[in-house]
Amino acid sequence: MKKVLICIDYNPTSEIVADAGYQLSKSLNAEVCLLHIIADVQYYGVQYPTFMGYHGFDAEIDLNINKEMHSVAENFLDTVRKHLKDTQVETKVIEGTTAEVILEYASSWKADTIVLGTHSHNILEKIFIGDVASKILKNTKIPVYMVPTNK
């Protein structure tokens, strides 16, 4: 295993996922890529507390501007890279449906492992939103390292 793809979002539990995925990659002496997907614009309005040194973004940003969304996401991934203290960590921001983008990018980047956090969603959220981890597990041949993020 030479390539570890770590998928993170703006939820503070991403710190757990990033740290666990990074430790896995170091134990394997593997390349690392942090992947963030721009999927649902309304999600970007959620204000979380500071984590991994990332202070969030200005709520005044016009989220209809694609360039701004990418800039915010790239800033986030740069902050996570600094948190991991490793300038060799690659970063990638892609727009699209989360599970589909993860599967497509993992395949094109030739990832040997996909690292995901498991969020706790209630049954109604699973019915309406779907479970990203389940979709990925169902549709990949790449091993998936699931990091529990429930408290």
C-alpha atoms as a PDB file:
ATOM      1  CA  MET A   1       0.000   0.000   0.000  1.00  0.00           C
ATOM      2  CA  LYS A   2       1.665   3.143  -1.241  1.00  0.00           C
ATOM      3  CA  LYS A   3      -1.157   5.704  -1.535  1.00  0.00           C
ATOM      4  CA  VAL A   4      -3.637   6.715   1.182  1.00  0.00           C
ATOM      5  CA  LEU A   5      -6.583   8.964   0.306  1.00  0.00           C
ATOM      6  CA  ILE A   6      -8.018  10.768   3.348  1.00  0.00           C
ATOM      7  CA  CYS A   7     -11.489  12.220   2.792  1.00  0.00           C
ATOM      8  CA  ILE A   8     -12.456  15.092   5.105  1.00  0.00           C
ATOM      9  CA  ASP A   9     -15.104  17.770   5.452  1.00  0.00           C
ATOM     10  CA  TYR A  10     -15.602  20.807   7.663  1.00  0.00           C
ATOM     11  CA  ASN A  11     -16.953  18.821  10.601  1.00  0.00           C
ATOM     12  CA  PRO A  12     -14.578  18.982  13.613  1.00  0.00           C
ATOM     13  CA  THR A  13     -14.540  15.169  13.631  1.00  0.00           C
ATOM     14  CA  SER A  14     -12.347  15.478  10.535  1.00  0.00           C
ATOM     15  CA  GLU A  15      -9.446  16.032  12.905  1.00  0.00           C
ATOM     16  CA  ILE A  16      -9.877  12.460  14.141  1.00  0.00           C
ATOM     17  CA  VAL A  17     -10.083  11.185  10.552  1.00  0.00           C
ATOM     18  CA  ALA A  18      -7.087  13.206   9.328  1.00  0.00           C
ATOM     19  CA  ASP A  19      -4.916  12.152  12.274  1.00  0.00           C
ATOM     20  CA  ALA A  20      -5.859   8.455  12.005  1.00  0.00           C
ATOM     21  CA  GLY A  21      -5.426   8.400   8.227  1.00  0.00           C
ATOM     22  CA  TYR A  22      -2.098  10.186   8.451  1.00  0.00           C
ATOM     23  CA  GLN A  23      -0.812   7.759  11.113  1.00  0.00           C
ATOM     24  CA  LEU A  24      -1.893   4.857   8.882  1.00  0.00           C
ATOM     25  CA  SER A  25      -0.020   6.358   5.932  1.00  0.00           C
ATOM     26  CA  LYS A  26       3.130   6.867   8.002  1.00  0.00           C
ATOM     27  CA  SER A  27       3.023   3.262   9.238  1.00  0.00           C
ATOM     28  CA  LEU A  28       2.796   2.159   5.593  1.00  0.00           C
ATOM     29  CA  ASN A  29       5.365   4.708   4.382  1.00  0.00           C
ATOM     30  CA  ALA A  30       2.724   5.779   1.865  1.00  0.00           C
ATOM     31  CA  GLU A  31       1.892   8.963  -0.035  1.00  0.00           C
ATOM     32  CA  VAL A  32      -1.033  10.956   1.366  1.00  0.00           C
ATOM     33  CA  CYS A  33      -3.733  12.996  -0.316  1.00  0.00           C
ATOM     34  CA  LEU A  34      -6.356  14.976   1.571  1.00  0.00           C
ATOM     35  CA  LEU A  35      -9.575  15.143  -0.445  1.00  0.00           C
ATOM     36  CA  HIS A  36     -12.430  17.587   0.125  1.00  0.00           C
ATOM     37  CA  ILE A  37     -15.587  17.506  -1.942  1.00  0.00           C
ATOM     38  CA  ILE A  38     -17.714  20.580  -2.570  1.00  0.00           C
ATOM     39  CA  ALA A  39     -21.117  18.920  -2.605  1.00  0.00           C
ATOM     40  CA  ASP A  40     -23.960  20.736  -0.913  1.00  0.00           C
ATOM     41  CA  VAL A  41     -23.664  24.516  -0.741  1.00  0.00           C
ATOM     42  CA  GLN A  42     -25.979  24.832   2.292  1.00  0.00           C
ATOM     43  CA  TYR A  43     -23.492  22.752   4.330  1.00  0.00           C
ATOM     44  CA  TYR A  44     -20.964  25.570   4.020  1.00  0.00           C
ATOM     45  CA  GLY A  45     -23.102  27.849   6.152  1.00  0.00           C
ATOM     46  CA  VAL A  46     -22.565  25.662   9.232  1.00  0.00           C
ATOM     47  CA  GLN A  47     -20.255  27.388  11.713  1.00  0.00           C
ATOM     48  CA  TYR A  48     -18.044  24.983  13.667  1.00  0.00           C
ATOM     49  CA  PRO A  49     -15.578  25.828  16.426  1.00  0.00           C
ATOM     50  CA  THR A  50     -11.858  26.060  15.642  1.00  0.00           C
ATOM     51  CA  PHE A  51     -10.171  22.684  15.169  1.00  0.00           C
ATOM     52  CA  MET A  52      -6.714  21.651  13.897  1.00  0.00           C
ATOM     53  CA  GLY A  53      -5.889  25.363  13.794  1.00  0.00           C
ATOM     54  CA  TYR A  54      -8.620  26.038  11.204  1.00  0.00           C
ATOM     55  CA  HIS A  55     -10.783  29.001  12.174  1.00  0.00           C
ATOM     56  CA  GLY A  56     -13.540  28.541   9.627  1.00  0.00           C
ATOM     57  CA  PHE A  57     -14.456  31.073   7.003  1.00  0.00           C
ATOM     58  CA  ASP A  58     -16.184  34.405   6.692  1.00  0.00           C
ATOM     59  CA  ALA A  59     -19.958  33.843   6.664  1.00  0.00           C
ATOM     60  CA  GLU A  60     -20.248  36.861   4.355  1.00  0.00           C
ATOM     61  CA  ILE A  61     -18.743  34.913   1.439  1.00  0.00           C
ATOM     62  CA  ASP A  62     -21.110  34.681  -1.524  1.00  0.00           C
ATOM     63  CA  LEU A  63     -21.322  30.910  -1.761  1.00  0.00           C
ATOM     64  CA  ASN A  64     -22.724  31.083  -5.275  1.00  0.00           C
ATOM     65  CA  ILE A  65     -19.286  31.968  -6.525  1.00  0.00           C
ATOM     66  CA  ASN A  66     -17.506  28.773  -7.415  1.00  0.00           C
ATOM     67  CA  LYS A  67     -14.042  30.313  -7.139  1.00  0.00           C
ATOM     68  CA  GLU A  68     -14.715  31.433  -3.547  1.00  0.00           C
ATOM     69  CA  MET A  69     -15.862  27.942  -2.545  1.00  0.00           C
ATOM     70  CA  HIS A  70     -12.691  26.419  -3.943  1.00  0.00           C
ATOM     71  CA  SER A  71     -10.561  29.029  -2.204  1.00  0.00           C
ATOM     72  CA  VAL A  72     -12.221  28.289   1.143  1.00  0.00           C
ATOM     73  CA  ALA A  73     -11.751  24.531   0.667  1.00  0.00           C
ATOM     74  CA  GLU A  74      -8.116  24.909  -0.395  1.00  0.00           C
ATOM     75  CA  ASN A  75      -7.458  27.103   2.661  1.00  0.00           C
ATOM     76  CA  PHE A  76      -9.017  24.396   4.834  1.00  0.00           C
ATOM     77  CA  LEU A  77      -6.828  21.655   3.333  1.00  0.00           C
ATOM     78  CA  ASP A  78      -3.697  23.817   3.643  1.00  0.00           C
ATOM     79  CA  THR A  79      -4.524  24.316   7.325  1.00  0.00           C
ATOM     80  CA  VAL A  80      -4.948  20.562   7.798  1.00  0.00           C
ATOM     81  CA  ARG A  81      -1.609  19.959   6.041  1.00  0.00           C
ATOM     82  CA  LYS A  82       0.018  22.377   8.540  1.00  0.00           C
ATOM     83  CA  HIS A  83      -1.723  20.569  11.403  1.00  0.00           C
ATOM     84  CA  LEU A  84      -0.171  17.302  10.163  1.00  0.00           C
ATOM     85  CA  LYS A  85       3.223  19.060   9.894  1.00  0.00           C
ATOM     86  CA  ASP A  86       3.953  17.478   6.524  1.00  0.00           C
ATOM     87  CA  THR A  87       4.468  19.613   3.412  1.00  0.00           C
ATOM     88  CA  GLN A  88       4.515  16.449   1.275  1.00  0.00           C
ATOM     89  CA  VAL A  89       0.789  15.839   1.834  1.00  0.00           C
ATOM     90  CA  GLU A  90      -1.114  16.407  -1.405  1.00  0.00           C
ATOM     91  CA  THR A  91      -4.486  18.143  -1.412  1.00  0.00           C
ATOM     92  CA  LYS A  92      -7.382  17.991  -3.822  1.00  0.00           C
ATOM     93  CA  VAL A  93     -10.705  19.857  -3.988  1.00  0.00           C
ATOM     94  CA  ILE A  94     -13.367  18.497  -6.338  1.00  0.00           C
ATOM     95  CA  GLU A  95     -17.029  19.368  -6.892  1.00  0.00           C
ATOM     96  CA  GLY A  96     -19.705  16.723  -7.170  1.00  0.00           C
ATOM     97  CA  THR A  97     -21.636  14.030  -5.382  1.00  0.00           C
ATOM     98  CA  THR A  98     -19.507  12.961  -2.434  1.00  0.00           C
ATOM     99  CA  ALA A  99     -19.480   9.167  -2.816  1.00  0.00           C
ATOM    100  CA  GLU A 100     -19.094   9.326  -6.599  1.00  0.00           C
ATOM    101  CA  VAL A 101     -16.236  11.825  -6.427  1.00  0.00           C
ATOM    102  CA  ILE A 102     -14.398   9.795  -3.784  1.00  0.00           C
ATOM    103  CA  LEU A 103     -14.693   6.612  -5.854  1.00  0.00           C
ATOM    104  CA  GLU A 104     -13.653   8.329  -9.095  1.00  0.00           C
ATOM    105  CA  TYR A 105     -10.711  10.182  -7.589  1.00  0.00           C
ATOM    106  CA  ALA A 106      -9.509   7.150  -5.621  1.00  0.00           C
ATOM    107  CA  SER A 107      -9.454   5.203  -8.862  1.00  0.00           C
ATOM    108  CA  SER A 108      -7.736   7.899 -10.966  1.00  0.00           C
ATOM    109  CA  TRP A 109      -5.163   8.685  -8.233  1.00  0.00           C
ATOM    110  CA  LYS A 110      -4.633   4.918  -7.847  1.00  0.00           C
ATOM    111  CA  ALA A 111      -5.269   4.985  -4.098  1.00  0.00           C
ATOM    112  CA  ASP A 112      -4.505   1.790  -2.219  1.00  0.00           C
ATOM    113  CA  THR A 113      -6.677   2.791   0.752  1.00  0.00           C
ATOM    114  CA  ILE A 114      -9.547   5.221   1.276  1.00  0.00           C
ATOM    115  CA  VAL A 115      -9.855   6.729   4.771  1.00  0.00           C
ATOM    116  CA  LEU A 116     -13.341   7.842   5.836  1.00  0.00           C
ATOM    117  CA  GLY A 117     -14.970   8.979   9.031  1.00  0.00           C
ATOM    118  CA  THR A 118     -18.164   7.302  10.094  1.00  0.00           C
ATOM    119  CA  HIS A 119     -20.696   9.933  11.129  1.00  0.00           C
ATOM    120  CA  SER A 120     -23.728   9.003  13.147  1.00  0.00           C
ATOM    121  CA  HIS A 121     -26.872   9.922  11.230  1.00  0.00           C
ATOM    122  CA  ASN A 122     -30.354   9.093  12.343  1.00  0.00           C
ATOM    123  CA  ILE A 123     -32.534   6.883  10.155  1.00  0.00           C
ATOM    124  CA  LEU A 124     -34.382   9.816   8.518  1.00  0.00           C
ATOM    125  CA  GLU A 125     -31.098  11.423   7.478  1.00  0.00           C
ATOM    126  CA  LYS A 126     -29.967   8.112   5.975  1.00  0.00           C
ATOM    127  CA  ILE A 127     -33.215   7.814   4.003  1.00  0.00           C
ATOM    128  CA  PHE A 128     -33.053  11.351   2.583  1.00  0.00           C
ATOM    129  CA  ILE A 129     -29.321  11.971   2.338  1.00  0.00           C
ATOM    130  CA  GLY A 130     -27.918   8.473   1.987  1.00  0.00           C
ATOM    131  CA  ASP A 131     -24.894   7.118   3.743  1.00  0.00           C
ATOM    132  CA  VAL A 132     -21.679   8.069   1.931  1.00  0.00           C
ATOM    133  CA  ALA A 133     -19.631   5.369   3.654  1.00  0.00           C
ATOM    134  CA  SER A 134     -22.170   2.677   2.704  1.00  0.00           C
ATOM    135  CA  LYS A 135     -22.198   3.789  -0.929  1.00  0.00           C
ATOM    136  CA  ILE A 136     -18.412   3.714  -1.069  1.00  0.00           C
ATOM    137  CA  LEU A 137     -18.146   0.317   0.607  1.00  0.00           C
ATOM    138  CA  LYS A 138     -20.757  -1.078  -1.776  1.00  0.00           C
ATOM    139  CA  ASN A 139     -19.067   0.259  -4.926  1.00  0.00           C
ATOM    140  CA  THR A 140     -15.303   0.012  -4.399  1.00  0.00           C
ATOM    141  CA  LYS A 141     -12.658  -2.633  -4.770  1.00  0.00           C
ATOM    142  CA  ILE A 142     -10.187  -0.427  -2.859  1.00  0.00           C
ATOM    143  CA  PRO A 143      -9.813  -1.205   0.856  1.00  0.00           C
ATOM    144  CA  VAL A 144     -11.564   1.338   3.082  1.00  0.00           C
ATOM    145  CA  TYR A 145     -10.222   2.351   6.507  1.00  0.00           C
ATOM    146  CA  MET A 146     -13.218   3.475   8.569  1.00  0.00           C
ATOM    147  CA  VAL A 147     -12.497   5.844  11.456  1.00  0.00           C
ATOM    148  CA  PRO A 148     -15.271   6.036  14.069  1.00  0.00           C
ATOM    149  CA  THR A 149     -15.993   9.637  15.003  1.00  0.00           C
ATOM    150  CA  ASN A 150     -18.887   9.167  17.431  1.00  0.00           C
ATOM    151  CA  LYS A 151     -18.292  10.387  20.944  1.00  0.00           C
END
